[in-house]
Structures are given as C-alpha cells and as structure tokens.
Amino acid sequence: MDYQGEQDMELEALEAILMDDLIEYDGNLPSGWVAAGKSYKVIIAPEDEEGGDSGDYPLKAELLFAHTPQYPEEPPSYKLRSVTGLSDADLAEATALLEEQVQANLGMAMIYTLIGAAKEWIQGRVNSGPAVDPDLERKKAEEAAEKKRAEARAHGTPVTPEAFAAWKAKFDAEMAAAKARALEGLKDDDRAKRLSGKAWFIKQAAAGLELEGMEALEEALSEDDEEDFDALEEEAGEGEEGEGEEGEGEEDGIDYEDDDDEGMLDEL
C-alpha cells in the first residue's frame, strides 16, 4: 500500500470538507506522539438548531490527530482534549468510543469518521440535559463556601435551642466517654495491685518471720539492759562501802584529849 499517497488524499478531502475548521497544530503534543507528517486539530462542538456549530455552548472539545507511518493500516495518533465544560470522566468516555471506531476502520481512511463520532457524542451530551462546566461549578461552590465562612466570622454562629441541644448532647457524650475511660483505668490499677491468694500467703509468712525476728531482738536487748543495770547497781554499792570505811578512819584519827584546851584556859 502507498501509505503516503493514501494520507495525502485524505488530507485533501478533509481540507475540502472542513475548510477553516481544519487547523494545523504546532503546539505541545502529548507524550509518545508519533507523526509521519504534520499534526492537525479540529474543534468539536454541538450543533445549534440551524445545523451550525454553537460557539457559545459550554461543552466544547478539540481533536488532535496525525498520520502515523503506516496509516491507515495502523491507527493514527489522536487525542481528545477539553476546551470547555468536559471533565476527565467525559473525555475518557468519548475516547473509548473513538477507540472502537479506530478498530472498526483499520485499513481505511478514518479521520473524518472519528470527527463525526466525537461530534455525535458531544451532541448526545447536549440532548441529555443542560451541560455544566465542572470548572465553573467548582469555582462557584468555592466562592459560596468562602462567602459563608466570611459571614460566620463577621456575625458569629447564632445559638438556637436546637444548636445548643446538639452541642450539649455531644459534650455529654464526650464527658461520659472520658469518665468511662478513667474508671477503666482505676480498675486496671486495682487489678494490678491486687495480690493472688498464693502471693498473699507468701507475704503474710514473710511478715510473720520478720515479726519473730523483731521480738527476738527486743528480748536480747532487754536482757542486756538488765545485765547493765545490775552492773551499775553493784558499782554503786561498792562505792558507798568505800566511803563508809574512809569515814570511820577519820573518826578514829580524831584526838579527843583536851589537855591542850586546859592549858589554853590557864594562860587566860
């Protein structure tokens, strides 16, 4: 097959049908993009009631495409991207539809078929209901939330009976839970301190041995105190006897003769 000839013929047909809607693309291309020649893009938009494209409608996409070296026997490079109003989920759904068309048309020129399938898909989205721009809706929601927060900061949160009742119920529940945790902690401490029967008997036996040892020590100390007291009494008795004997010696040494006294009276 003359791949280049097939590709040139298809481009001529597309230019004749799409005219200015077929735009040569020289911007950033997706990763892994393969192109045997130039890359192009086509705007995909729903049609209005008169059959023309509705430029003001919030749903719009662009289809990038390029011929690969062995196109049409191999798939072309293509990428559907959102211009306005399409989410990643929308693009994934539309891309899956285009992939089905690619597999069904291998071996034939298929770019115009892909463009038609993309337009049909986006028109179906329009017919299914009012289209919503996700970015615009997200922005509106963020602005509304910020406005609500600003009003709350400026005026405070109004206290109503319902709001107070809800707060009190939550507070009581939190306090009850805290009290339950505290009681459980006390129970755990009490269980940790409580002795088993065997441990209690061992402790009592140890206390009994300690008590007997103390009694033996007190008895030993009492006996020593009595011996010391007896020794002190003996020492005190011996001291009194010594003083008595010394007194008797002094009395024995007294001169009871009064000769000198008589002499002194005669001199007077």
C-alpha atoms as a PDB file:
ATOM      1  CA  MET A   1       0.000   0.000   0.000  1.00  0.00           C
ATOM      2  CA  ASP A   2       1.131   3.530  -0.806  1.00  0.00           C
ATOM      3  CA  TYR A   3       0.783   4.946   2.691  1.00  0.00           C
ATOM      4  CA  GLN A   4       1.919   8.439   1.764  1.00  0.00           C
ATOM      5  CA  GLY A   5      -0.492   8.587  -1.183  1.00  0.00           C
ATOM      6  CA  GLU A   6      -3.404   7.457   0.975  1.00  0.00           C
ATOM      7  CA  GLN A   7      -2.570  10.057   3.608  1.00  0.00           C
ATOM      8  CA  ASP A   8      -2.257  12.908   1.088  1.00  0.00           C
ATOM      9  CA  MET A   9      -5.618  12.032  -0.482  1.00  0.00           C
ATOM     10  CA  GLU A  10      -7.317  12.047   2.893  1.00  0.00           C
ATOM     11  CA  LEU A  11      -5.842  15.450   3.825  1.00  0.00           C
ATOM     12  CA  GLU A  12      -7.125  16.941   0.573  1.00  0.00           C
ATOM     13  CA  ALA A  13     -10.596  15.619   1.311  1.00  0.00           C
ATOM     14  CA  LEU A  14     -10.549  16.955   4.865  1.00  0.00           C
ATOM     15  CA  GLU A  15      -9.462  20.413   3.717  1.00  0.00           C
ATOM     16  CA  ALA A  16     -12.305  20.465   1.201  1.00  0.00           C
ATOM     17  CA  ILE A  17     -14.917  19.394   3.759  1.00  0.00           C
ATOM     18  CA  LEU A  18     -13.744  21.187   6.908  1.00  0.00           C
ATOM     19  CA  MET A  19     -12.069  24.194   5.293  1.00  0.00           C
ATOM     20  CA  ASP A  20     -11.071  26.634   8.033  1.00  0.00           C
ATOM     21  CA  ASP A  21     -12.089  24.195  10.799  1.00  0.00           C
ATOM     22  CA  LEU A  22      -9.027  22.080   9.957  1.00  0.00           C
ATOM     23  CA  ILE A  23      -6.160  23.804  11.756  1.00  0.00           C
ATOM     24  CA  GLU A  24      -2.502  22.920  11.520  1.00  0.00           C
ATOM     25  CA  TYR A  25      -1.250  22.391  15.089  1.00  0.00           C
ATOM     26  CA  ASP A  26       2.249  23.351  16.229  1.00  0.00           C
ATOM     27  CA  GLY A  27       1.750  23.440  19.992  1.00  0.00           C
ATOM     28  CA  ASN A  28       2.735  20.969  22.699  1.00  0.00           C
ATOM     29  CA  LEU A  29       1.961  17.410  21.731  1.00  0.00           C
ATOM     30  CA  PRO A  30       1.036  14.539  24.088  1.00  0.00           C
ATOM     31  CA  SER A  31       3.737  12.204  25.342  1.00  0.00           C
ATOM     32  CA  GLY A  32       4.536   9.380  22.926  1.00  0.00           C
ATOM     33  CA  TRP A  33       3.052  11.210  19.957  1.00  0.00           C
ATOM     34  CA  VAL A  34       4.029   9.711  16.575  1.00  0.00           C
ATOM     35  CA  ALA A  35       3.544  11.667  13.350  1.00  0.00           C
ATOM     36  CA  ALA A  36       4.616  10.897   9.787  1.00  0.00           C
ATOM     37  CA  GLY A  37       3.931  14.495   8.802  1.00  0.00           C
ATOM     38  CA  LYS A  38       2.106  17.493  10.231  1.00  0.00           C
ATOM     39  CA  SER A  39      -0.322  17.420  13.159  1.00  0.00           C
ATOM     40  CA  TYR A  40      -3.792  18.974  12.980  1.00  0.00           C
ATOM     41  CA  LYS A  41      -6.660  19.867  15.263  1.00  0.00           C
ATOM     42  CA  VAL A  42     -10.411  20.181  14.781  1.00  0.00           C
ATOM     43  CA  ILE A  43     -12.809  21.889  17.210  1.00  0.00           C
ATOM     44  CA  ILE A  44     -15.640  19.574  18.261  1.00  0.00           C
ATOM     45  CA  ALA A  45     -18.783  21.478  19.301  1.00  0.00           C
ATOM     46  CA  PRO A  46     -22.518  20.693  19.360  1.00  0.00           C
ATOM     47  CA  GLU A  47     -24.682  21.978  16.516  1.00  0.00           C
ATOM     48  CA  ASP A  48     -27.394  24.581  17.017  1.00  0.00           C
ATOM     49  CA  GLU A  49     -30.955  24.266  15.681  1.00  0.00           C
ATOM     50  CA  GLU A  50     -29.901  25.581  12.247  1.00  0.00           C
ATOM     51  CA  GLY A  51     -27.216  22.948  11.875  1.00  0.00           C
ATOM     52  CA  GLY A  52     -24.257  25.197  12.621  1.00  0.00           C
ATOM     53  CA  ASP A  53     -21.790  24.868  15.455  1.00  0.00           C
ATOM     54  CA  SER A  54     -22.868  26.602  18.620  1.00  0.00           C
ATOM     55  CA  GLY A  55     -19.862  28.625  19.666  1.00  0.00           C
ATOM     56  CA  ASP A  56     -21.453  29.759  22.945  1.00  0.00           C
ATOM     57  CA  TYR A  57     -22.363  26.327  24.236  1.00  0.00           C
ATOM     58  CA  PRO A  58     -20.406  25.358  27.398  1.00  0.00           C
ATOM     59  CA  LEU A  59     -19.414  21.916  26.031  1.00  0.00           C
ATOM     60  CA  LYS A  60     -16.536  22.018  23.576  1.00  0.00           C
ATOM     61  CA  ALA A  61     -13.529  19.826  22.770  1.00  0.00           C
ATOM     62  CA  GLU A  62     -10.649  19.643  20.313  1.00  0.00           C
ATOM     63  CA  LEU A  63      -9.426  16.572  18.464  1.00  0.00           C
ATOM     64  CA  LEU A  64      -5.713  16.409  17.698  1.00  0.00           C
ATOM     65  CA  PHE A  65      -4.614  13.915  15.055  1.00  0.00           C
ATOM     66  CA  ALA A  66      -1.680  12.982  12.849  1.00  0.00           C
ATOM     67  CA  HIS A  67      -0.965  10.232  10.357  1.00  0.00           C
ATOM     68  CA  THR A  68       1.447   7.534  11.516  1.00  0.00           C
ATOM     69  CA  PRO A  69       3.982   5.990   9.086  1.00  0.00           C
ATOM     70  CA  GLN A  70       1.785   3.009   8.097  1.00  0.00           C
ATOM     71  CA  TYR A  71      -1.637   4.648   8.415  1.00  0.00           C
ATOM     72  CA  PRO A  72      -4.367   3.566   7.551  1.00  0.00           C
ATOM     73  CA  GLU A  73      -3.265   0.002   8.252  1.00  0.00           C
ATOM     74  CA  GLU A  74      -2.252   1.144  11.720  1.00  0.00           C
ATOM     75  CA  PRO A  75      -4.123   3.574  13.993  1.00  0.00           C
ATOM     76  CA  PRO A  76      -3.418   7.299  13.675  1.00  0.00           C
ATOM     77  CA  SER A  77      -2.167   9.354  16.594  1.00  0.00           C
ATOM     78  CA  TYR A  78      -5.111  11.162  18.142  1.00  0.00           C
ATOM     79  CA  LYS A  79      -6.075  12.888  21.393  1.00  0.00           C
ATOM     80  CA  LEU A  80      -9.389  14.369  22.522  1.00  0.00           C
ATOM     81  CA  ARG A  81      -8.984  17.324  24.886  1.00  0.00           C
ATOM     82  CA  SER A  82     -11.476  19.545  26.668  1.00  0.00           C
ATOM     83  CA  VAL A  83     -11.870  23.172  25.676  1.00  0.00           C
ATOM     84  CA  THR A  84     -14.814  23.970  27.994  1.00  0.00           C
ATOM     85  CA  GLY A  85     -17.182  22.000  30.176  1.00  0.00           C
ATOM     86  CA  LEU A  86     -15.786  18.450  29.866  1.00  0.00           C
ATOM     87  CA  SER A  87     -14.445  16.508  32.806  1.00  0.00           C
ATOM     88  CA  ASP A  88     -11.772  13.810  32.726  1.00  0.00           C
ATOM     89  CA  ALA A  89     -14.544  11.214  33.004  1.00  0.00           C
ATOM     90  CA  ASP A  90     -16.277  12.711  29.959  1.00  0.00           C
ATOM     91  CA  LEU A  91     -13.067  12.616  27.937  1.00  0.00           C
ATOM     92  CA  ALA A  92     -12.395   9.019  28.968  1.00  0.00           C
ATOM     93  CA  GLU A  93     -15.873   8.007  27.824  1.00  0.00           C
ATOM     94  CA  ALA A  94     -15.524   9.785  24.476  1.00  0.00           C
ATOM     95  CA  THR A  95     -12.008   8.406  23.909  1.00  0.00           C
ATOM     96  CA  ALA A  96     -13.269   4.855  24.451  1.00  0.00           C
ATOM     97  CA  LEU A  97     -15.897   5.477  21.765  1.00  0.00           C
ATOM     98  CA  LEU A  98     -13.233   6.760  19.349  1.00  0.00           C
ATOM     99  CA  GLU A  99     -11.067   3.703  20.013  1.00  0.00           C
ATOM    100  CA  GLU A 100     -13.936   1.464  18.941  1.00  0.00           C
ATOM    101  CA  GLN A 101     -14.179   3.406  15.697  1.00  0.00           C
ATOM    102  CA  VAL A 102     -10.437   3.076  15.091  1.00  0.00           C
ATOM    103  CA  GLN A 103     -10.501  -0.702  15.466  1.00  0.00           C
ATOM    104  CA  ALA A 104     -13.555  -0.970  13.241  1.00  0.00           C
ATOM    105  CA  ASN A 105     -12.000   1.087  10.409  1.00  0.00           C
ATOM    106  CA  LEU A 106      -8.399  -0.167  10.225  1.00  0.00           C
ATOM    107  CA  GLY A 107      -7.240  -0.295   6.596  1.00  0.00           C
ATOM    108  CA  MET A 108      -9.455   2.647   5.581  1.00  0.00           C
ATOM    109  CA  ALA A 109      -9.205   6.435   5.888  1.00  0.00           C
ATOM    110  CA  MET A 110     -10.898   7.172   9.220  1.00  0.00           C
ATOM    111  CA  ILE A 111     -10.133  10.722  10.404  1.00  0.00           C
ATOM    112  CA  TYR A 112     -13.450  12.145   9.201  1.00  0.00           C
ATOM    113  CA  THR A 113     -15.229   9.193  10.829  1.00  0.00           C
ATOM    114  CA  LEU A 114     -13.528   9.998  14.154  1.00  0.00           C
ATOM    115  CA  ILE A 115     -14.538  13.643  13.885  1.00  0.00           C
ATOM    116  CA  GLY A 116     -18.141  12.663  13.213  1.00  0.00           C
ATOM    117  CA  ALA A 117     -18.181  10.208  16.154  1.00  0.00           C
ATOM    118  CA  ALA A 118     -16.833  12.886  18.513  1.00  0.00           C
ATOM    119  CA  LYS A 119     -19.473  15.375  17.368  1.00  0.00           C
ATOM    120  CA  GLU A 120     -22.205  12.799  17.753  1.00  0.00           C
ATOM    121  CA  TRP A 121     -21.053  12.017  21.300  1.00  0.00           C
ATOM    122  CA  ILE A 122     -20.941  15.675  22.355  1.00  0.00           C
ATOM    123  CA  GLN A 123     -24.355  16.290  20.775  1.00  0.00           C
ATOM    124  CA  GLY A 124     -25.723  13.418  22.834  1.00  0.00           C
ATOM    125  CA  ARG A 125     -24.407  15.077  25.949  1.00  0.00           C
ATOM    126  CA  VAL A 126     -26.263  18.242  24.981  1.00  0.00           C
ATOM    127  CA  ASN A 127     -29.505  16.401  24.348  1.00  0.00           C
ATOM    128  CA  SER A 128     -29.281  14.535  27.650  1.00  0.00           C
ATOM    129  CA  GLY A 129     -29.716  17.738  29.623  1.00  0.00           C
ATOM    130  CA  PRO A 130     -28.195  21.097  30.383  1.00  0.00           C
ATOM    131  CA  ALA A 131     -24.455  20.908  30.292  1.00  0.00           C
ATOM    132  CA  VAL A 132     -22.480  22.042  33.292  1.00  0.00           C
ATOM    133  CA  ASP A 133     -18.944  23.340  33.191  1.00  0.00           C
ATOM    134  CA  PRO A 134     -17.191  21.474  36.047  1.00  0.00           C
ATOM    135  CA  ASP A 135     -14.535  24.164  36.477  1.00  0.00           C
ATOM    136  CA  LEU A 136     -17.165  26.902  36.586  1.00  0.00           C
ATOM    137  CA  GLU A 137     -19.342  24.987  39.041  1.00  0.00           C
ATOM    138  CA  ARG A 138     -16.369  24.234  41.281  1.00  0.00           C
ATOM    139  CA  LYS A 139     -15.409  27.895  41.265  1.00  0.00           C
ATOM    140  CA  LYS A 140     -18.967  28.914  42.168  1.00  0.00           C
ATOM    141  CA  ALA A 141     -19.061  26.393  45.024  1.00  0.00           C
ATOM    142  CA  GLU A 142     -15.746  27.645  46.400  1.00  0.00           C
ATOM    143  CA  GLU A 143     -16.928  31.259  46.230  1.00  0.00           C
ATOM    144  CA  ALA A 144     -20.193  30.384  48.006  1.00  0.00           C
ATOM    145  CA  ALA A 145     -18.337  28.497  50.734  1.00  0.00           C
ATOM    146  CA  GLU A 146     -15.899  31.371  51.253  1.00  0.00           C
ATOM    147  CA  LYS A 147     -18.784  33.855  51.435  1.00  0.00           C
ATOM    148  CA  LYS A 148     -20.493  31.692  54.068  1.00  0.00           C
ATOM    149  CA  ARG A 149     -17.292  31.485  56.136  1.00  0.00           C
ATOM    150  CA  ALA A 150     -16.839  35.257  55.912  1.00  0.00           C
ATOM    151  CA  GLU A 151     -20.396  35.840  57.150  1.00  0.00           C
ATOM    152  CA  ALA A 152     -19.851  33.403  60.015  1.00  0.00           C
ATOM    153  CA  ARG A 153     -16.656  35.207  61.038  1.00  0.00           C
ATOM    154  CA  ALA A 154     -18.397  38.586  60.876  1.00  0.00           C
ATOM    155  CA  HIS A 155     -21.566  37.680  62.783  1.00  0.00           C
ATOM    156  CA  GLY A 156     -20.611  34.544  64.665  1.00  0.00           C
ATOM    157  CA  THR A 157     -22.644  31.375  64.816  1.00  0.00           C
ATOM    158  CA  PRO A 158     -26.185  32.013  66.086  1.00  0.00           C
ATOM    159  CA  VAL A 159     -27.132  29.945  69.140  1.00  0.00           C
ATOM    160  CA  THR A 160     -30.529  28.337  68.766  1.00  0.00           C
ATOM    161  CA  PRO A 161     -32.219  25.818  71.078  1.00  0.00           C
ATOM    162  CA  GLU A 162     -31.614  23.117  68.505  1.00  0.00           C
ATOM    163  CA  ALA A 163     -27.938  24.023  68.094  1.00  0.00           C
ATOM    164  CA  PHE A 164     -27.434  24.152  71.874  1.00  0.00           C
ATOM    165  CA  ALA A 165     -29.172  20.804  72.357  1.00  0.00           C
ATOM    166  CA  ALA A 166     -26.967  19.220  69.712  1.00  0.00           C
ATOM    167  CA  TRP A 167     -23.835  20.711  71.296  1.00  0.00           C
ATOM    168  CA  LYS A 168     -24.872  19.579  74.799  1.00  0.00           C
ATOM    169  CA  ALA A 169     -25.586  16.043  73.616  1.00  0.00           C
ATOM    170  CA  LYS A 170     -22.165  15.867  72.013  1.00  0.00           C
ATOM    171  CA  PHE A 171     -20.490  17.349  75.103  1.00  0.00           C
ATOM    172  CA  ASP A 172     -22.271  14.945  77.476  1.00  0.00           C
ATOM    173  CA  ALA A 173     -21.271  12.008  75.311  1.00  0.00           C
ATOM    174  CA  GLU A 174     -17.639  13.109  75.327  1.00  0.00           C
ATOM    175  CA  MET A 175     -17.657  13.568  79.120  1.00  0.00           C
ATOM    176  CA  ALA A 176     -19.290  10.159  79.651  1.00  0.00           C
ATOM    177  CA  ALA A 177     -16.677   8.534  77.449  1.00  0.00           C
ATOM    178  CA  ALA A 178     -13.869  10.285  79.352  1.00  0.00           C
ATOM    179  CA  LYS A 179     -15.336   9.179  82.691  1.00  0.00           C
ATOM    180  CA  ALA A 180     -15.653   5.603  81.474  1.00  0.00           C
ATOM    181  CA  ARG A 181     -12.021   5.607  80.382  1.00  0.00           C
ATOM    182  CA  ALA A 182     -10.942   6.987  83.773  1.00  0.00           C
ATOM    183  CA  LEU A 183     -12.926   4.325  85.678  1.00  0.00           C
ATOM    184  CA  GLU A 184     -11.498   1.611  83.494  1.00  0.00           C
ATOM    185  CA  GLY A 185      -8.010   2.918  84.255  1.00  0.00           C
ATOM    186  CA  LEU A 186      -8.721   2.774  88.005  1.00  0.00           C
ATOM    187  CA  LYS A 187      -9.985  -0.787  87.667  1.00  0.00           C
ATOM    188  CA  ASP A 188      -6.859  -1.762  85.820  1.00  0.00           C
ATOM    189  CA  ASP A 189      -4.689  -0.208  88.569  1.00  0.00           C
ATOM    190  CA  ASP A 190      -6.692  -2.007  91.269  1.00  0.00           C
ATOM    191  CA  ARG A 191      -6.322  -5.332  89.477  1.00  0.00           C
ATOM    192  CA  ALA A 192      -2.607  -4.725  89.101  1.00  0.00           C
ATOM    193  CA  LYS A 193      -2.212  -4.020  92.836  1.00  0.00           C
ATOM    194  CA  ARG A 194      -4.447  -6.894  93.989  1.00  0.00           C
ATOM    195  CA  LEU A 195      -2.494  -9.989  95.147  1.00  0.00           C
ATOM    196  CA  SER A 196      -3.386 -13.532  94.276  1.00  0.00           C
ATOM    197  CA  GLY A 197      -4.115 -15.990  97.115  1.00  0.00           C
ATOM    198  CA  LYS A 198      -0.679 -17.567  96.900  1.00  0.00           C
ATOM    199  CA  ALA A 199       1.089 -14.202  96.837  1.00  0.00           C
ATOM    200  CA  TRP A 200      -0.938 -13.065  99.885  1.00  0.00           C
ATOM    201  CA  PHE A 201       0.089 -16.131 101.941  1.00  0.00           C
ATOM    202  CA  ILE A 202       3.731 -15.687 100.947  1.00  0.00           C
ATOM    203  CA  LYS A 203       3.605 -12.058 102.023  1.00  0.00           C
ATOM    204  CA  GLN A 204       1.951 -12.977 105.366  1.00  0.00           C
ATOM    205  CA  ALA A 205       4.553 -15.672 106.013  1.00  0.00           C
ATOM    206  CA  ALA A 206       7.346 -13.217 105.329  1.00  0.00           C
ATOM    207  CA  ALA A 207       5.722 -10.690 107.654  1.00  0.00           C
ATOM    208  CA  GLY A 208       5.496 -13.388 110.384  1.00  0.00           C
ATOM    209  CA  LEU A 209       9.182 -14.212 110.129  1.00  0.00           C
ATOM    210  CA  GLU A 210      10.056 -10.534 110.295  1.00  0.00           C
ATOM    211  CA  LEU A 211       7.884 -10.119 113.407  1.00  0.00           C
ATOM    212  CA  GLU A 212       9.538 -13.095 115.166  1.00  0.00           C
ATOM    213  CA  GLY A 213      12.950 -11.634 114.401  1.00  0.00           C
ATOM    214  CA  MET A 214      11.953  -8.304 115.918  1.00  0.00           C
ATOM    215  CA  GLU A 215      10.646  -9.979 119.087  1.00  0.00           C
ATOM    216  CA  ALA A 216      13.900 -11.951 119.483  1.00  0.00           C
ATOM    217  CA  LEU A 217      15.897  -8.762 119.096  1.00  0.00           C
ATOM    218  CA  GLU A 218      13.805  -6.953 121.704  1.00  0.00           C
ATOM    219  CA  GLU A 219      14.280  -9.837 124.158  1.00  0.00           C
ATOM    220  CA  ALA A 220      18.036  -9.788 123.600  1.00  0.00           C
ATOM    221  CA  LEU A 221      18.140  -6.051 124.146  1.00  0.00           C
ATOM    222  CA  SER A 222      16.040  -6.380 127.315  1.00  0.00           C
ATOM    223  CA  GLU A 223      18.425  -8.978 128.778  1.00  0.00           C
ATOM    224  CA  ASP A 224      21.452  -6.808 128.002  1.00  0.00           C
ATOM    225  CA  ASP A 225      19.755  -3.817 129.618  1.00  0.00           C
ATOM    226  CA  GLU A 226      19.063  -5.818 132.805  1.00  0.00           C
ATOM    227  CA  GLU A 227      22.664  -7.004 132.981  1.00  0.00           C
ATOM    228  CA  ASP A 228      23.940  -3.464 132.555  1.00  0.00           C
ATOM    229  CA  PHE A 229      21.563  -2.211 135.236  1.00  0.00           C
ATOM    230  CA  ASP A 230      22.735  -4.898 137.674  1.00  0.00           C
ATOM    231  CA  ALA A 231      26.325  -3.986 136.950  1.00  0.00           C
ATOM    232  CA  LEU A 232      25.631  -0.340 137.689  1.00  0.00           C
ATOM    233  CA  GLU A 233      23.929  -1.204 140.962  1.00  0.00           C
ATOM    234  CA  GLU A 234      26.918  -3.304 142.038  1.00  0.00           C
ATOM    235  CA  GLU A 235      29.306  -0.471 141.228  1.00  0.00           C
ATOM    236  CA  ALA A 236      27.164   1.968 143.144  1.00  0.00           C
ATOM    237  CA  GLY A 237      27.134  -0.358 146.212  1.00  0.00           C
ATOM    238  CA  GLU A 238      30.874  -0.777 146.218  1.00  0.00           C
ATOM    239  CA  GLY A 239      31.349   2.994 146.125  1.00  0.00           C
ATOM    240  CA  GLU A 240      29.173   3.550 149.193  1.00  0.00           C
ATOM    241  CA  GLU A 241      31.084   0.905 151.172  1.00  0.00           C
ATOM    242  CA  GLY A 242      34.417   2.602 150.368  1.00  0.00           C
ATOM    243  CA  GLU A 243      33.173   5.953 151.555  1.00  0.00           C
ATOM    244  CA  GLY A 244      31.936   4.412 154.809  1.00  0.00           C
ATOM    245  CA  GLU A 245      35.296   2.863 155.622  1.00  0.00           C
ATOM    246  CA  GLU A 246      37.110   6.125 154.909  1.00  0.00           C
ATOM    247  CA  GLY A 247      34.768   7.978 157.251  1.00  0.00           C
ATOM    248  CA  GLU A 248      35.445   5.531 160.025  1.00  0.00           C
ATOM    249  CA  GLY A 249      39.202   6.028 159.594  1.00  0.00           C
ATOM    250  CA  GLU A 250      38.882   9.731 160.003  1.00  0.00           C
ATOM    251  CA  GLU A 251      36.829   9.318 163.122  1.00  0.00           C
ATOM    252  CA  ASP A 252      39.470   7.017 164.507  1.00  0.00           C
ATOM    253  CA  GLY A 253      42.167   9.699 163.959  1.00  0.00           C
ATOM    254  CA  ILE A 254      40.383  12.403 165.997  1.00  0.00           C
ATOM    255  CA  ASP A 255      42.192  13.382 169.247  1.00  0.00           C
ATOM    256  CA  TYR A 256      39.656  13.582 171.951  1.00  0.00           C
ATOM    257  CA  GLU A 257      42.191  14.607 174.657  1.00  0.00           C
ATOM    258  CA  ASP A 258      41.600  18.105 175.942  1.00  0.00           C
ATOM    259  CA  ASP A 259      44.946  18.747 177.579  1.00  0.00           C
ATOM    260  CA  ASP A 260      45.785  21.499 175.216  1.00  0.00           C
ATOM    261  CA  ASP A 261      42.441  23.069 175.815  1.00  0.00           C
ATOM    262  CA  GLU A 262      43.045  23.156 179.560  1.00  0.00           C
ATOM    263  CA  GLY A 263      46.447  24.749 179.048  1.00  0.00           C
ATOM    264  CA  MET A 264      44.975  27.484 176.922  1.00  0.00           C
ATOM    265  CA  LEU A 265      42.412  28.237 179.645  1.00  0.00           C
ATOM    266  CA  ASP A 266      45.175  28.528 182.302  1.00  0.00           C
ATOM    267  CA  GLU A 267      47.055  31.067 180.256  1.00  0.00           C
ATOM    268  CA  LEU A 268      43.927  33.180 180.100  1.00  0.00           C
END
